[in-house]
Amino acid sequence: MRVLVRCLLGLAVLTGCGANAVPVAGGGNASMDKARERENVIATCMKQKGFSYTPSVSRPKQSDANPADYAAMKADRSKNGFGVFSAIVYPKPPGTRAPDANQATIDSLSGAERDAYLKTLNECRVTALRQVNGLKVTSVADYQDQMSTEIENIDKELDGDSELLELAAPFAECLKSEGERVTSAKPLALSARGMDVWGRQADRLGKAGTVTAEAARPYLAKEIRSALVDLECGKDFYAAFIPLQKRLTNEARVKYGFQEQ
């Protein structure tokens, strides 16, 4: 869900989400076909306005694994907890991404020329979203406002789902009985509780990048214990919450011009 927040709150040229796209020929799915069509509309629009643009579509990273699979979640939490202190103890190398097909063009422009290029690119992206995705958007700001509303609606749907509410109550009570801190029994709050609690602990320990793996290791051990308690208490809750959250998120991604994950 938070990925949706980061990547749906702006066009690629503004946020960088999907900016490092790799050209893909053939294959894919309906959302990739839409992306190809949208890129071609952008290229045509840019050419008409006197700018060059190379269409490119990134192939989304998708896993066949079920994100709500109990055994897989337990194995992951047994090593990484909620993913807070494990990021310090087991740092991942920086990801390598293919260069944006149009970045060299943008970098070659002077300040005023670059501003004009990016302004036109945003206008052409909005045109493509209207033409290909059927979105009634008038500008980047309007696009962002509509996506913000979409995200709020998803949050409301998750927090108002009758099955999730029924499962959230015993989940919260179980956590409390195990000595875990619970400030809200709403589905979204429960799903993010562990990250919030241990994220605040990491902030208290030190600023990002200043905590060593040695210092973080004992905290990770405690985080793992907490994460496993959370999973046991929320086993039934997560089995219902994660698939619904993923479906709603992917529907929104496709609607607003991104590919499913």
C-alpha atoms as a PDB file:
ATOM      1  CA  MET A   1       0.000   0.000   0.000  1.00  0.00           C
ATOM      2  CA  ARG A   2       2.714   2.443   0.861  1.00  0.00           C
ATOM      3  CA  VAL A   3       4.301   1.648  -2.495  1.00  0.00           C
ATOM      4  CA  LEU A   4       1.078   2.793  -4.036  1.00  0.00           C
ATOM      5  CA  VAL A   5       1.302   6.025  -2.069  1.00  0.00           C
ATOM      6  CA  ARG A   6       4.866   6.692  -3.228  1.00  0.00           C
ATOM      7  CA  CYS A   7       4.381   5.838  -6.876  1.00  0.00           C
ATOM      8  CA  LEU A   8       0.832   6.963  -7.485  1.00  0.00           C
ATOM      9  CA  LEU A   9       1.386  10.474  -6.145  1.00  0.00           C
ATOM     10  CA  GLY A  10       2.959  11.813  -9.297  1.00  0.00           C
ATOM     11  CA  LEU A  11       3.911  11.130 -12.854  1.00  0.00           C
ATOM     12  CA  ALA A  12       7.191   9.363 -13.470  1.00  0.00           C
ATOM     13  CA  VAL A  13       8.936  12.523 -14.578  1.00  0.00           C
ATOM     14  CA  LEU A  14       8.105  14.125 -11.229  1.00  0.00           C
ATOM     15  CA  THR A  15       8.668  11.272  -8.795  1.00  0.00           C
ATOM     16  CA  GLY A  16      11.050   8.889 -10.507  1.00  0.00           C
ATOM     17  CA  CYS A  17       8.667   5.947 -10.064  1.00  0.00           C
ATOM     18  CA  GLY A  18       9.224   3.885 -13.171  1.00  0.00           C
ATOM     19  CA  ALA A  19      11.507   6.538 -14.626  1.00  0.00           C
ATOM     20  CA  ASN A  20      14.285   4.052 -15.322  1.00  0.00           C
ATOM     21  CA  ALA A  21      12.261   2.068 -17.779  1.00  0.00           C
ATOM     22  CA  VAL A  22      13.641  -0.673 -19.966  1.00  0.00           C
ATOM     23  CA  PRO A  23      12.204  -1.094 -23.474  1.00  0.00           C
ATOM     24  CA  VAL A  24      10.172  -4.289 -23.732  1.00  0.00           C
ATOM     25  CA  ALA A  25       9.188  -5.860 -27.039  1.00  0.00           C
ATOM     26  CA  GLY A  26       6.147  -8.127 -27.048  1.00  0.00           C
ATOM     27  CA  GLY A  27       4.753 -10.262 -24.247  1.00  0.00           C
ATOM     28  CA  GLY A  28       3.468  -8.890 -20.984  1.00  0.00           C
ATOM     29  CA  ASN A  29      -0.140  -8.319 -20.013  1.00  0.00           C
ATOM     30  CA  ALA A  30      -2.981  -5.865 -20.516  1.00  0.00           C
ATOM     31  CA  SER A  31      -1.408  -3.241 -18.267  1.00  0.00           C
ATOM     32  CA  MET A  32       1.857  -3.473 -20.215  1.00  0.00           C
ATOM     33  CA  ASP A  33      -0.059  -3.117 -23.483  1.00  0.00           C
ATOM     34  CA  LYS A  34      -1.662   0.037 -22.104  1.00  0.00           C
ATOM     35  CA  ALA A  35       1.754   1.293 -21.036  1.00  0.00           C
ATOM     36  CA  ARG A  36       3.157   0.748 -24.541  1.00  0.00           C
ATOM     37  CA  GLU A  37       0.197   2.543 -26.086  1.00  0.00           C
ATOM     38  CA  ARG A  38       0.581   5.415 -23.629  1.00  0.00           C
ATOM     39  CA  GLU A  39       4.290   5.741 -24.365  1.00  0.00           C
ATOM     40  CA  ASN A  40       3.626   5.915 -28.092  1.00  0.00           C
ATOM     41  CA  VAL A  41       1.043   8.666 -27.550  1.00  0.00           C
ATOM     42  CA  ILE A  42       3.579  10.587 -25.463  1.00  0.00           C
ATOM     43  CA  ALA A  43       6.247  10.217 -28.154  1.00  0.00           C
ATOM     44  CA  THR A  44       3.878  11.465 -30.859  1.00  0.00           C
ATOM     45  CA  CYS A  45       2.755  14.381 -28.687  1.00  0.00           C
ATOM     46  CA  MET A  46       6.348  15.364 -27.896  1.00  0.00           C
ATOM     47  CA  LYS A  47       7.331  15.193 -31.575  1.00  0.00           C
ATOM     48  CA  GLN A  48       4.426  17.455 -32.516  1.00  0.00           C
ATOM     49  CA  LYS A  49       5.698  19.986 -29.989  1.00  0.00           C
ATOM     50  CA  GLY A  50       9.282  19.805 -31.291  1.00  0.00           C
ATOM     51  CA  PHE A  51      10.858  17.470 -28.725  1.00  0.00           C
ATOM     52  CA  SER A  52      12.328  14.007 -29.029  1.00  0.00           C
ATOM     53  CA  TYR A  53      11.113  11.189 -26.794  1.00  0.00           C
ATOM     54  CA  THR A  54      11.920   7.474 -26.823  1.00  0.00           C
ATOM     55  CA  PRO A  55       9.014   5.232 -25.757  1.00  0.00           C
ATOM     56  CA  SER A  56       9.984   2.759 -23.051  1.00  0.00           C
ATOM     57  CA  VAL A  57       8.097   0.370 -20.804  1.00  0.00           C
ATOM     58  CA  SER A  58       9.441  -1.321 -17.700  1.00  0.00           C
ATOM     59  CA  ARG A  59       8.681  -4.942 -16.987  1.00  0.00           C
ATOM     60  CA  PRO A  60       7.229  -5.065 -13.465  1.00  0.00           C
ATOM     61  CA  LYS A  61       8.812  -7.277 -10.845  1.00  0.00           C
ATOM     62  CA  GLN A  62       6.239  -9.855  -9.901  1.00  0.00           C
ATOM     63  CA  SER A  63       6.504 -12.897  -7.672  1.00  0.00           C
ATOM     64  CA  ASP A  64       4.560 -16.113  -7.956  1.00  0.00           C
ATOM     65  CA  ALA A  65       4.691 -16.445  -4.171  1.00  0.00           C
ATOM     66  CA  ASN A  66       1.508 -15.847  -2.217  1.00  0.00           C
ATOM     67  CA  PRO A  67       2.236 -12.819   0.017  1.00  0.00           C
ATOM     68  CA  ALA A  68      -0.291 -14.099   2.565  1.00  0.00           C
ATOM     69  CA  ASP A  69       1.252 -17.588   2.792  1.00  0.00           C
ATOM     70  CA  TYR A  70       1.722 -18.304   6.495  1.00  0.00           C
ATOM     71  CA  ALA A  71       4.832 -20.468   6.142  1.00  0.00           C
ATOM     72  CA  ALA A  72       6.571 -17.909   3.922  1.00  0.00           C
ATOM     73  CA  MET A  73       5.636 -15.062   6.262  1.00  0.00           C
ATOM     74  CA  LYS A  74       6.927 -16.992   9.272  1.00  0.00           C
ATOM     75  CA  ALA A  75      10.222 -17.774   7.550  1.00  0.00           C
ATOM     76  CA  ASP A  76      10.674 -14.129   6.581  1.00  0.00           C
ATOM     77  CA  ARG A  77       9.785 -12.793  10.019  1.00  0.00           C
ATOM     78  CA  SER A  78      12.048 -15.330  11.691  1.00  0.00           C
ATOM     79  CA  LYS A  79      14.972 -13.613   9.968  1.00  0.00           C
ATOM     80  CA  ASN A  80      13.822 -10.066   9.314  1.00  0.00           C
ATOM     81  CA  GLY A  81      11.142  -9.296  11.895  1.00  0.00           C
ATOM     82  CA  PHE A  82       9.077  -6.434  10.519  1.00  0.00           C
ATOM     83  CA  GLY A  83      11.963  -5.355   8.284  1.00  0.00           C
ATOM     84  CA  VAL A  84      13.210  -2.425  10.397  1.00  0.00           C
ATOM     85  CA  PHE A  85      16.442  -3.478  12.111  1.00  0.00           C
ATOM     86  CA  SER A  86      17.114  -6.226   9.559  1.00  0.00           C
ATOM     87  CA  ALA A  87      17.755  -3.465   7.010  1.00  0.00           C
ATOM     88  CA  ILE A  88      20.691  -2.423   9.200  1.00  0.00           C
ATOM     89  CA  VAL A  89      21.932  -5.897  10.133  1.00  0.00           C
ATOM     90  CA  TYR A  90      21.541  -7.281   6.601  1.00  0.00           C
ATOM     91  CA  PRO A  91      21.957  -4.245   4.325  1.00  0.00           C
ATOM     92  CA  LYS A  92      21.072  -4.840   0.708  1.00  0.00           C
ATOM     93  CA  PRO A  93      23.401  -3.586  -2.024  1.00  0.00           C
ATOM     94  CA  PRO A  94      22.056  -0.670  -4.055  1.00  0.00           C
ATOM     95  CA  GLY A  95      19.847  -1.850  -6.862  1.00  0.00           C
ATOM     96  CA  THR A  96      21.114  -1.426 -10.395  1.00  0.00           C
ATOM     97  CA  ARG A  97      18.657   0.076 -12.809  1.00  0.00           C
ATOM     98  CA  ALA A  98      18.895   0.574 -16.525  1.00  0.00           C
ATOM     99  CA  PRO A  99      19.247   4.239 -17.464  1.00  0.00           C
ATOM    100  CA  ASP A 100      16.129   6.146 -18.457  1.00  0.00           C
ATOM    101  CA  ALA A 101      15.913   6.130 -22.231  1.00  0.00           C
ATOM    102  CA  ASN A 102      15.309   9.899 -22.225  1.00  0.00           C
ATOM    103  CA  GLN A 103      17.626  10.994 -19.431  1.00  0.00           C
ATOM    104  CA  ALA A 104      20.528  11.772 -21.741  1.00  0.00           C
ATOM    105  CA  THR A 105      18.275  14.122 -23.717  1.00  0.00           C
ATOM    106  CA  ILE A 106      17.111  15.868 -20.541  1.00  0.00           C
ATOM    107  CA  ASP A 107      20.663  16.178 -19.178  1.00  0.00           C
ATOM    108  CA  SER A 108      21.871  17.771 -22.418  1.00  0.00           C
ATOM    109  CA  LEU A 109      19.434  20.673 -22.124  1.00  0.00           C
ATOM    110  CA  SER A 110      20.085  24.041 -20.524  1.00  0.00           C
ATOM    111  CA  GLY A 111      17.994  25.243 -17.582  1.00  0.00           C
ATOM    112  CA  ALA A 112      15.259  26.956 -19.581  1.00  0.00           C
ATOM    113  CA  GLU A 113      15.234  24.262 -22.260  1.00  0.00           C
ATOM    114  CA  ARG A 114      15.060  21.549 -19.626  1.00  0.00           C
ATOM    115  CA  ASP A 115      12.145  23.257 -17.902  1.00  0.00           C
ATOM    116  CA  ALA A 116      10.312  23.534 -21.222  1.00  0.00           C
ATOM    117  CA  TYR A 117      10.980  19.869 -22.012  1.00  0.00           C
ATOM    118  CA  LEU A 118       9.712  18.627 -18.644  1.00  0.00           C
ATOM    119  CA  LYS A 119       6.670  20.907 -18.771  1.00  0.00           C
ATOM    120  CA  THR A 120       5.784  19.591 -22.204  1.00  0.00           C
ATOM    121  CA  LEU A 121       6.432  16.007 -21.125  1.00  0.00           C
ATOM    122  CA  ASN A 122       4.016  16.387 -18.228  1.00  0.00           C
ATOM    123  CA  GLU A 123       1.417  17.842 -20.578  1.00  0.00           C
ATOM    124  CA  CYS A 124       1.894  14.936 -22.990  1.00  0.00           C
ATOM    125  CA  ARG A 125       1.672  12.396 -20.165  1.00  0.00           C
ATOM    126  CA  VAL A 126      -1.642  13.895 -19.086  1.00  0.00           C
ATOM    127  CA  THR A 127      -2.846  13.754 -22.696  1.00  0.00           C
ATOM    128  CA  ALA A 128      -1.864  10.076 -22.876  1.00  0.00           C
ATOM    129  CA  LEU A 129      -3.621   9.264 -19.610  1.00  0.00           C
ATOM    130  CA  ARG A 130      -6.803  10.855 -20.936  1.00  0.00           C
ATOM    131  CA  GLN A 131      -6.568   9.168 -24.331  1.00  0.00           C
ATOM    132  CA  VAL A 132      -5.409   5.684 -23.321  1.00  0.00           C
ATOM    133  CA  ASN A 133      -6.693   5.237 -19.780  1.00  0.00           C
ATOM    134  CA  GLY A 134      -9.797   7.367 -20.130  1.00  0.00           C
ATOM    135  CA  LEU A 135      -8.944   9.466 -17.095  1.00  0.00           C
ATOM    136  CA  LYS A 136     -10.671  12.820 -16.821  1.00  0.00           C
ATOM    137  CA  VAL A 137      -7.577  14.738 -15.707  1.00  0.00           C
ATOM    138  CA  THR A 138      -6.721  18.299 -16.610  1.00  0.00           C
ATOM    139  CA  SER A 139      -3.215  18.616 -15.187  1.00  0.00           C
ATOM    140  CA  VAL A 140      -0.556  16.924 -13.090  1.00  0.00           C
ATOM    141  CA  ALA A 141      -2.011  18.540  -9.971  1.00  0.00           C
ATOM    142  CA  ASP A 142      -5.467  17.214 -10.834  1.00  0.00           C
ATOM    143  CA  TYR A 143      -3.974  13.765 -11.474  1.00  0.00           C
ATOM    144  CA  GLN A 144      -2.309  13.811  -8.056  1.00  0.00           C
ATOM    145  CA  ASP A 145      -5.489  14.966  -6.332  1.00  0.00           C
ATOM    146  CA  GLN A 146      -7.494  12.164  -7.914  1.00  0.00           C
ATOM    147  CA  MET A 147      -4.928   9.571  -6.859  1.00  0.00           C
ATOM    148  CA  SER A 148      -4.859  10.929  -3.315  1.00  0.00           C
ATOM    149  CA  THR A 149      -8.625  10.488  -3.182  1.00  0.00           C
ATOM    150  CA  GLU A 150      -8.282   6.965  -4.576  1.00  0.00           C
ATOM    151  CA  ILE A 151      -5.789   6.070  -1.839  1.00  0.00           C
ATOM    152  CA  GLU A 152      -8.085   7.495   0.830  1.00  0.00           C
ATOM    153  CA  ASN A 153     -10.951   5.424  -0.569  1.00  0.00           C
ATOM    154  CA  ILE A 154      -8.853   2.250  -0.454  1.00  0.00           C
ATOM    155  CA  ASP A 155      -7.947   2.971   3.167  1.00  0.00           C
ATOM    156  CA  LYS A 156     -11.627   3.499   3.999  1.00  0.00           C
ATOM    157  CA  GLU A 157     -12.604   0.273   2.253  1.00  0.00           C
ATOM    158  CA  LEU A 158      -9.990  -1.731   4.157  1.00  0.00           C
ATOM    159  CA  ASP A 159     -10.912  -0.173   7.500  1.00  0.00           C
ATOM    160  CA  GLY A 160     -14.617  -0.648   6.796  1.00  0.00           C
ATOM    161  CA  ASP A 161     -14.532  -4.224   5.517  1.00  0.00           C
ATOM    162  CA  SER A 162     -16.799  -6.328   7.737  1.00  0.00           C
ATOM    163  CA  GLU A 163     -14.635  -9.462   7.592  1.00  0.00           C
ATOM    164  CA  LEU A 164     -11.473  -7.555   8.430  1.00  0.00           C
ATOM    165  CA  LEU A 165     -13.177  -5.762  11.313  1.00  0.00           C
ATOM    166  CA  GLU A 166     -14.385  -9.079  12.674  1.00  0.00           C
ATOM    167  CA  LEU A 167     -10.871 -10.521  12.492  1.00  0.00           C
ATOM    168  CA  ALA A 168      -9.150  -7.369  13.759  1.00  0.00           C
ATOM    169  CA  ALA A 169     -10.813  -7.409  17.193  1.00  0.00           C
ATOM    170  CA  PRO A 170      -9.408 -10.780  18.376  1.00  0.00           C
ATOM    171  CA  PHE A 171      -6.097  -9.919  16.690  1.00  0.00           C
ATOM    172  CA  ALA A 172      -5.792  -6.770  18.794  1.00  0.00           C
ATOM    173  CA  GLU A 173      -6.844  -8.539  21.992  1.00  0.00           C
ATOM    174  CA  CYS A 174      -4.323 -11.315  21.411  1.00  0.00           C
ATOM    175  CA  LEU A 175      -1.546  -8.762  20.923  1.00  0.00           C
ATOM    176  CA  LYS A 176      -2.471  -6.989  24.141  1.00  0.00           C
ATOM    177  CA  SER A 177      -2.507 -10.275  26.045  1.00  0.00           C
ATOM    178  CA  GLU A 178       1.044 -10.887  24.799  1.00  0.00           C
ATOM    179  CA  GLY A 179       2.186  -7.488  26.058  1.00  0.00           C
ATOM    180  CA  GLU A 180       2.333  -5.870  22.613  1.00  0.00           C
ATOM    181  CA  ARG A 181       1.512  -2.182  22.243  1.00  0.00           C
ATOM    182  CA  VAL A 182      -1.764  -1.601  20.379  1.00  0.00           C
ATOM    183  CA  THR A 183      -3.052   1.939  19.860  1.00  0.00           C
ATOM    184  CA  SER A 184      -5.812   1.116  17.365  1.00  0.00           C
ATOM    185  CA  ALA A 185      -7.794  -1.976  16.415  1.00  0.00           C
ATOM    186  CA  LYS A 186      -8.542  -0.709  12.899  1.00  0.00           C
ATOM    187  CA  PRO A 187      -7.332  -3.062  10.151  1.00  0.00           C
ATOM    188  CA  LEU A 188      -4.866  -0.616   8.551  1.00  0.00           C
ATOM    189  CA  ALA A 189      -3.369   0.381  11.889  1.00  0.00           C
ATOM    190  CA  LEU A 190      -2.927  -3.260  12.903  1.00  0.00           C
ATOM    191  CA  SER A 191      -1.284  -4.143   9.602  1.00  0.00           C
ATOM    192  CA  ALA A 192       1.268  -1.328  10.027  1.00  0.00           C
ATOM    193  CA  ARG A 193       1.618  -1.546  13.823  1.00  0.00           C
ATOM    194  CA  GLY A 194       4.866  -3.520  13.890  1.00  0.00           C
ATOM    195  CA  MET A 195       6.647  -1.284  11.408  1.00  0.00           C
ATOM    196  CA  ASP A 196       5.488   1.799  13.298  1.00  0.00           C
ATOM    197  CA  VAL A 197       6.540   0.513  16.727  1.00  0.00           C
ATOM    198  CA  TRP A 198       9.969  -0.686  15.660  1.00  0.00           C
ATOM    199  CA  GLY A 199      10.494   2.219  13.308  1.00  0.00           C
ATOM    200  CA  ARG A 200      10.109   4.586  16.248  1.00  0.00           C
ATOM    201  CA  GLN A 201      12.539   2.438  18.220  1.00  0.00           C
ATOM    202  CA  ALA A 202      15.074   2.733  15.413  1.00  0.00           C
ATOM    203  CA  ASP A 203      14.587   6.507  15.351  1.00  0.00           C
ATOM    204  CA  ARG A 204      15.242   6.685  19.101  1.00  0.00           C
ATOM    205  CA  LEU A 205      18.413   4.642  18.703  1.00  0.00           C
ATOM    206  CA  GLY A 206      19.909   7.006  16.163  1.00  0.00           C
ATOM    207  CA  LYS A 207      19.483   8.803  12.879  1.00  0.00           C
ATOM    208  CA  ALA A 208      19.250   6.755   9.710  1.00  0.00           C
ATOM    209  CA  GLY A 209      22.703   5.623   8.599  1.00  0.00           C
ATOM    210  CA  THR A 210      24.320   6.143  12.002  1.00  0.00           C
ATOM    211  CA  VAL A 211      23.355   2.848  13.680  1.00  0.00           C
ATOM    212  CA  THR A 212      25.817  -0.014  13.198  1.00  0.00           C
ATOM    213  CA  ALA A 213      24.865  -3.619  12.522  1.00  0.00           C
ATOM    214  CA  GLU A 214      26.416  -4.600  15.864  1.00  0.00           C
ATOM    215  CA  ALA A 215      24.262  -2.094  17.738  1.00  0.00           C
ATOM    216  CA  ALA A 216      21.152  -3.108  15.810  1.00  0.00           C
ATOM    217  CA  ARG A 217      21.496  -6.866  16.260  1.00  0.00           C
ATOM    218  CA  PRO A 218      20.010  -7.141  19.803  1.00  0.00           C
ATOM    219  CA  TYR A 219      17.112  -4.946  18.717  1.00  0.00           C
ATOM    220  CA  LEU A 220      16.536  -7.183  15.712  1.00  0.00           C
ATOM    221  CA  ALA A 221      16.298 -10.202  18.027  1.00  0.00           C
ATOM    222  CA  LYS A 222      13.558  -8.463  20.011  1.00  0.00           C
ATOM    223  CA  GLU A 223      11.862  -7.285  16.821  1.00  0.00           C
ATOM    224  CA  ILE A 224      11.803 -10.855  15.507  1.00  0.00           C
ATOM    225  CA  ARG A 225      10.110 -12.111  18.667  1.00  0.00           C
ATOM    226  CA  SER A 226       7.540  -9.322  18.381  1.00  0.00           C
ATOM    227  CA  ALA A 227       6.964 -10.042  14.683  1.00  0.00           C
ATOM    228  CA  LEU A 228       6.357 -13.741  15.320  1.00  0.00           C
ATOM    229  CA  VAL A 229       3.866 -12.941  18.092  1.00  0.00           C
ATOM    230  CA  ASP A 230       2.156 -10.527  15.699  1.00  0.00           C
ATOM    231  CA  LEU A 231       1.953 -13.209  13.017  1.00  0.00           C
ATOM    232  CA  GLU A 232       0.544 -15.855  15.339  1.00  0.00           C
ATOM    233  CA  CYS A 233      -2.074 -13.457  16.697  1.00  0.00           C
ATOM    234  CA  GLY A 234      -2.915 -12.155  13.236  1.00  0.00           C
ATOM    235  CA  LYS A 235      -2.673 -15.345  11.201  1.00  0.00           C
ATOM    236  CA  ASP A 236      -6.340 -15.303  10.143  1.00  0.00           C
ATOM    237  CA  PHE A 237      -6.385 -11.517   9.797  1.00  0.00           C
ATOM    238  CA  TYR A 238      -3.418 -11.400   7.405  1.00  0.00           C
ATOM    239  CA  ALA A 239      -4.871 -14.241   5.306  1.00  0.00           C
ATOM    240  CA  ALA A 240      -7.819 -11.955   4.561  1.00  0.00           C
ATOM    241  CA  PHE A 241      -6.172  -8.524   4.674  1.00  0.00           C
ATOM    242  CA  ILE A 242      -3.206  -9.046   2.347  1.00  0.00           C
ATOM    243  CA  PRO A 243      -5.125 -10.410  -0.692  1.00  0.00           C
ATOM    244  CA  LEU A 244      -7.754  -7.664  -0.425  1.00  0.00           C
ATOM    245  CA  GLN A 245      -5.141  -4.947  -0.040  1.00  0.00           C
ATOM    246  CA  LYS A 246      -3.192  -6.280  -3.030  1.00  0.00           C
ATOM    247  CA  ARG A 247      -6.304  -6.458  -5.230  1.00  0.00           C
ATOM    248  CA  LEU A 248      -7.430  -2.929  -4.401  1.00  0.00           C
ATOM    249  CA  THR A 249      -3.917  -1.572  -4.839  1.00  0.00           C
ATOM    250  CA  ASN A 250      -3.421  -3.215  -8.229  1.00  0.00           C
ATOM    251  CA  GLU A 251      -6.820  -2.004  -9.445  1.00  0.00           C
ATOM    252  CA  ALA A 252      -5.775   1.530  -8.550  1.00  0.00           C
ATOM    253  CA  ARG A 253      -2.351   1.128 -10.144  1.00  0.00           C
ATOM    254  CA  VAL A 254      -3.868  -0.003 -13.435  1.00  0.00           C
ATOM    255  CA  LYS A 255      -6.534   2.714 -13.349  1.00  0.00           C
ATOM    256  CA  TYR A 256      -3.915   5.432 -12.930  1.00  0.00           C
ATOM    257  CA  GLY A 257      -1.449   4.199 -15.509  1.00  0.00           C
ATOM    258  CA  PHE A 258       0.888   1.932 -13.584  1.00  0.00           C
ATOM    259  CA  GLN A 259       1.436  -1.795 -13.910  1.00  0.00           C
ATOM    260  CA  GLU A 260       0.267  -4.438 -11.484  1.00  0.00           C
ATOM    261  CA  GLN A 261       2.626  -5.727  -8.834  1.00  0.00           C
END
